N, C-alpha and C. Protein backbone atom coordinates (compact mmCIF):
# COMPACT_ATOMS: atom_id res chain seq x y z
N MET A 1 152.77 -0.12 -31.43
CA MET A 1 152.72 -0.94 -30.31
C MET A 1 153.49 0.10 -29.34
N SER A 2 152.75 0.58 -27.99
CA SER A 2 153.23 0.97 -27.31
C SER A 2 154.05 0.56 -26.14
N GLU A 3 155.33 1.24 -25.66
CA GLU A 3 156.21 0.60 -24.66
C GLU A 3 155.87 0.81 -23.39
N ARG A 4 156.10 0.02 -22.27
CA ARG A 4 155.73 0.06 -21.06
C ARG A 4 156.81 0.83 -20.47
N GLU A 5 156.87 1.71 -19.76
CA GLU A 5 157.75 2.46 -18.71
C GLU A 5 158.38 1.43 -17.90
N ARG A 6 159.80 1.12 -17.70
CA ARG A 6 160.46 0.27 -16.88
C ARG A 6 160.21 0.89 -15.31
N ARG A 7 159.67 -0.04 -14.72
CA ARG A 7 159.54 0.27 -12.84
C ARG A 7 160.84 -0.37 -12.37
N ASN A 8 161.34 0.47 -11.32
CA ASN A 8 162.54 -0.42 -10.43
C ASN A 8 161.77 -0.37 -9.49
N PHE A 9 161.64 -1.73 -8.59
CA PHE A 9 161.17 -1.92 -7.35
C PHE A 9 162.53 -2.30 -6.39
N SER A 10 162.25 -1.94 -5.28
CA SER A 10 163.53 -1.88 -4.23
C SER A 10 163.61 -3.68 -3.82
N PRO A 11 164.43 -3.90 -3.12
CA PRO A 11 164.44 -5.17 -2.43
C PRO A 11 163.32 -5.13 -1.75
N GLN A 12 163.26 -4.34 -0.72
CA GLN A 12 161.74 -4.18 0.08
C GLN A 12 160.56 -4.47 -0.44
N ASP A 13 160.43 -3.86 -1.66
CA ASP A 13 159.23 -4.05 -2.26
C ASP A 13 158.91 -5.47 -2.98
N LYS A 14 160.26 -6.03 -3.44
CA LYS A 14 160.05 -7.47 -3.97
C LYS A 14 159.91 -8.34 -2.81
N ALA A 15 160.32 -8.24 -1.73
CA ALA A 15 160.27 -9.07 -0.70
C ALA A 15 158.79 -9.19 -0.04
N ARG A 16 158.28 -7.90 0.11
CA ARG A 16 156.88 -7.42 0.46
C ARG A 16 155.78 -8.00 -0.42
N MET A 17 156.04 -8.18 -1.78
CA MET A 17 155.23 -8.61 -2.78
C MET A 17 155.27 -10.33 -2.97
N LEU A 18 156.57 -10.73 -2.56
CA LEU A 18 156.50 -12.25 -2.63
C LEU A 18 156.05 -12.74 -1.20
N GLN A 19 156.37 -12.21 -0.10
CA GLN A 19 155.50 -12.56 1.13
C GLN A 19 154.23 -12.43 0.83
N GLU A 20 153.51 -11.20 0.33
CA GLU A 20 151.91 -11.39 0.10
C GLU A 20 151.37 -12.48 -0.65
N HIS A 21 151.95 -12.54 -1.75
CA HIS A 21 151.63 -14.01 -2.48
C HIS A 21 151.81 -14.93 -1.77
N LEU A 22 152.52 -15.47 -1.29
CA LEU A 22 153.10 -16.50 -0.62
C LEU A 22 151.99 -16.85 0.81
N LEU A 23 151.68 -15.62 1.37
CA LEU A 23 151.00 -15.97 2.42
C LEU A 23 149.54 -15.86 2.08
N GLU A 24 148.87 -15.21 1.11
CA GLU A 24 147.91 -15.12 0.77
C GLU A 24 147.32 -16.31 -0.21
N LYS A 25 148.34 -17.10 -0.99
CA LYS A 25 147.98 -18.28 -1.51
C LYS A 25 147.22 -18.01 -2.87
N LYS A 26 147.36 -16.86 -3.39
CA LYS A 26 146.75 -16.27 -4.42
C LYS A 26 147.48 -16.98 -5.79
N PRO A 27 146.77 -17.32 -6.83
CA PRO A 27 147.73 -17.54 -8.07
C PRO A 27 148.46 -16.75 -8.57
N ILE A 28 149.85 -16.80 -8.86
CA ILE A 28 150.80 -15.96 -9.39
C ILE A 28 149.94 -15.06 -10.69
N SER A 29 149.25 -15.79 -11.44
CA SER A 29 148.88 -14.78 -12.66
C SER A 29 147.54 -14.13 -11.93
N GLN A 30 147.06 -14.36 -10.89
CA GLN A 30 146.13 -13.03 -10.78
C GLN A 30 146.82 -12.16 -9.74
N PHE A 31 147.73 -12.41 -8.81
CA PHE A 31 148.69 -11.59 -8.23
C PHE A 31 149.46 -10.53 -8.93
N CYS A 32 149.81 -11.10 -10.28
CA CYS A 32 150.61 -10.22 -11.08
C CYS A 32 149.80 -9.23 -11.89
N GLU A 33 148.26 -9.81 -11.95
CA GLU A 33 147.35 -8.79 -12.93
C GLU A 33 147.30 -7.65 -11.90
N GLU A 34 146.84 -8.12 -10.61
CA GLU A 34 146.57 -6.75 -9.63
C GLU A 34 147.68 -5.85 -9.46
N ASN A 35 149.31 -6.66 -9.81
CA ASN A 35 150.18 -5.50 -9.23
C ASN A 35 150.49 -5.07 -10.81
N SER A 36 150.26 -5.54 -11.56
CA SER A 36 150.74 -4.82 -13.13
C SER A 36 152.29 -5.29 -13.47
N LEU A 37 152.45 -6.69 -13.15
CA LEU A 37 153.83 -7.47 -13.18
C LEU A 37 153.80 -8.39 -14.32
N TYR A 38 154.70 -8.64 -15.00
CA TYR A 38 154.99 -9.96 -15.91
C TYR A 38 154.95 -11.09 -15.02
N VAL A 39 154.58 -12.07 -15.42
CA VAL A 39 154.47 -13.13 -14.56
C VAL A 39 155.85 -13.85 -14.72
N THR A 40 156.61 -13.84 -15.88
CA THR A 40 157.96 -14.10 -15.74
C THR A 40 158.93 -13.39 -14.88
N VAL A 41 158.76 -12.21 -14.47
CA VAL A 41 159.37 -11.01 -13.84
C VAL A 41 159.22 -11.49 -12.42
N PHE A 42 158.04 -11.76 -11.88
CA PHE A 42 157.85 -12.51 -10.34
C PHE A 42 158.35 -13.64 -10.33
N GLN A 43 158.42 -14.63 -11.46
CA GLN A 43 158.94 -15.95 -11.19
C GLN A 43 160.31 -15.84 -11.00
N ARG A 44 161.10 -14.75 -11.52
CA ARG A 44 162.51 -14.74 -11.44
C ARG A 44 162.72 -14.43 -10.33
N TRP A 45 162.02 -13.31 -9.46
CA TRP A 45 162.25 -12.65 -8.09
C TRP A 45 161.90 -14.07 -7.06
N GLN A 46 160.84 -14.83 -7.13
CA GLN A 46 160.70 -15.95 -6.72
C GLN A 46 161.75 -17.10 -6.36
N GLN A 47 162.45 -17.20 -7.91
CA GLN A 47 163.64 -18.18 -8.22
C GLN A 47 164.86 -17.58 -7.33
N ARG A 48 165.10 -16.40 -7.28
CA ARG A 48 166.06 -15.73 -6.79
C ARG A 48 166.22 -16.06 -5.09
N LEU A 49 164.81 -15.76 -4.68
CA LEU A 49 164.44 -15.68 -3.18
C LEU A 49 164.71 -17.22 -2.73
N PHE A 50 164.32 -18.28 -3.45
CA PHE A 50 164.73 -19.83 -3.26
C PHE A 50 166.20 -20.11 -3.26
N GLU A 51 166.63 -19.46 -4.13
CA GLU A 51 168.15 -19.86 -4.32
C GLU A 51 169.13 -19.28 -3.06
N ASN A 52 168.77 -18.22 -2.81
CA ASN A 52 169.53 -17.36 -1.79
C ASN A 52 168.87 -17.50 -0.38
N SER A 53 167.78 -18.28 0.03
CA SER A 53 167.11 -18.35 1.15
C SER A 53 168.04 -19.03 2.24
N ALA A 54 168.85 -19.76 1.86
CA ALA A 54 169.85 -20.82 2.82
C ALA A 54 170.93 -19.95 3.56
N SER A 55 171.08 -18.54 3.07
CA SER A 55 172.01 -17.71 3.58
C SER A 55 171.25 -16.94 4.87
N ALA A 56 169.80 -16.96 5.06
CA ALA A 56 169.30 -16.54 6.03
C ALA A 56 169.71 -17.25 7.44
N PHE A 57 169.98 -18.61 7.39
CA PHE A 57 170.66 -19.33 8.41
C PHE A 57 171.68 -19.51 8.72
N ILE A 58 172.62 -18.82 7.95
CA ILE A 58 174.08 -18.75 8.00
C ILE A 58 174.60 -17.99 9.45
N PRO A 59 175.02 -18.57 10.36
CA PRO A 59 175.36 -17.65 11.59
C PRO A 59 176.31 -16.42 11.08
N ASN A 60 176.24 -15.36 11.79
CA ASN A 60 177.16 -14.19 11.47
C ASN A 60 177.06 -13.42 10.44
N GLU A 61 176.14 -13.79 9.68
CA GLU A 61 175.62 -12.99 8.24
C GLU A 61 175.09 -11.69 8.51
N TYR A 62 174.59 -11.61 9.83
CA TYR A 62 174.00 -10.22 10.00
C TYR A 62 174.93 -9.49 10.67
N PRO A 63 175.13 -8.01 10.43
CA PRO A 63 176.09 -7.03 10.79
C PRO A 63 175.76 -6.99 12.28
N GLU A 64 176.79 -6.87 13.02
CA GLU A 64 176.71 -6.27 14.36
C GLU A 64 175.72 -4.82 14.48
N PRO A 65 174.82 -4.98 15.51
CA PRO A 65 174.20 -3.57 15.50
C PRO A 65 175.05 -2.44 15.91
N PRO A 66 175.05 -1.49 15.41
CA PRO A 66 176.01 -0.47 16.07
C PRO A 66 176.07 -0.13 17.01
N VAL A 67 177.16 0.49 17.81
CA VAL A 67 177.15 0.64 18.99
C VAL A 67 177.24 2.26 19.06
N MET A 68 176.44 2.95 19.84
CA MET A 68 176.19 4.21 19.96
C MET A 68 177.30 4.45 20.86
N PRO A 69 178.16 5.68 20.45
CA PRO A 69 179.09 6.16 21.26
C PRO A 69 178.45 7.05 22.75
N PRO A 70 179.28 7.03 23.60
CA PRO A 70 178.43 7.41 24.84
C PRO A 70 178.20 9.31 24.41
N LYS A 71 177.40 9.64 25.15
CA LYS A 71 176.91 10.97 24.97
C LYS A 71 178.01 11.79 25.68
N THR A 72 178.49 12.81 24.87
CA THR A 72 179.57 13.69 25.41
C THR A 72 178.96 15.06 25.63
N LEU A 73 179.49 15.69 26.73
CA LEU A 73 178.81 16.96 27.38
C LEU A 73 179.60 18.00 26.56
N GLY A 74 179.00 19.06 26.53
CA GLY A 74 179.59 20.34 25.91
C GLY A 74 180.73 20.91 26.45
N SER A 75 181.61 21.63 25.98
CA SER A 75 182.44 22.43 26.83
C SER A 75 182.96 22.05 28.09
N GLY A 76 183.51 21.12 28.69
CA GLY A 76 183.98 21.15 29.79
C GLY A 76 182.92 20.80 31.08
N ALA A 77 181.77 20.58 30.84
CA ALA A 77 180.87 20.24 31.56
C ALA A 77 181.15 18.86 32.11
N LYS A 78 180.63 18.74 33.48
CA LYS A 78 181.14 17.67 34.34
C LYS A 78 179.74 16.98 34.38
N PRO A 79 179.75 15.27 33.99
CA PRO A 79 178.64 14.43 34.21
C PRO A 79 178.06 14.82 35.68
N GLN A 80 176.80 14.86 36.02
CA GLN A 80 176.20 14.87 37.13
C GLN A 80 175.69 13.35 37.45
N SER A 81 175.72 13.06 38.86
CA SER A 81 175.38 11.80 39.49
C SER A 81 173.89 11.87 39.31
N GLU A 82 173.43 10.76 39.72
CA GLU A 82 171.93 10.25 39.63
C GLU A 82 171.24 11.30 40.67
N THR A 83 172.24 11.02 42.08
CA THR A 83 171.59 11.95 43.18
C THR A 83 171.61 13.24 42.91
N GLN A 84 172.50 13.87 42.14
CA GLN A 84 172.38 15.32 41.88
C GLN A 84 171.33 15.85 41.17
N LEU A 85 170.95 14.96 40.10
CA LEU A 85 169.97 15.20 39.31
C LEU A 85 168.65 14.96 39.91
N ASN A 86 168.45 14.06 40.99
CA ASN A 86 167.00 14.02 41.48
C ASN A 86 167.09 15.15 42.41
N GLN A 87 168.21 15.72 42.99
CA GLN A 87 167.89 16.82 43.98
C GLN A 87 167.62 18.11 43.02
N LYS A 88 167.91 18.28 41.94
CA LYS A 88 167.58 19.37 41.18
C LYS A 88 166.26 19.43 40.80
N THR A 89 165.93 18.00 40.18
CA THR A 89 164.55 17.86 40.06
C THR A 89 163.42 17.93 41.15
N GLU A 90 163.80 17.82 42.44
CA GLU A 90 163.09 18.07 43.62
C GLU A 90 162.73 19.16 43.63
N LYS A 91 164.04 19.66 43.67
CA LYS A 91 164.02 21.49 43.84
C LYS A 91 162.86 22.41 42.70
N SER A 92 163.03 21.62 41.58
CA SER A 92 162.36 22.31 40.68
C SER A 92 160.63 22.02 40.70
N ILE A 93 160.51 20.88 41.38
CA ILE A 93 158.86 20.44 41.52
C ILE A 93 158.26 21.26 42.59
N SER A 94 159.36 21.67 43.76
CA SER A 94 158.60 22.33 45.02
C SER A 94 158.44 23.82 44.90
N ARG A 95 158.82 24.29 43.56
CA ARG A 95 158.89 25.78 43.32
C ARG A 95 157.53 25.97 42.98
């Protein structure tokens, strides 16, 4: 009897497969056959999804988006005003 090599799916892969199954409404057996999965593995993923689905609706569960620090200008350069930038752009266009 030959052993199958164990495959590791990322959480994103598992979510994509579960979404695909649920949206296309294919029987689990057909979906697993097409994706070379054991039915019991797929059912375990599905059970875990349903058991943890309530956490998607808990406020503040999502991390705050990262705040980008203001861009720093190199070695002692002073920031230019928008007017100064527009004047430089006009000069370079008129040349």
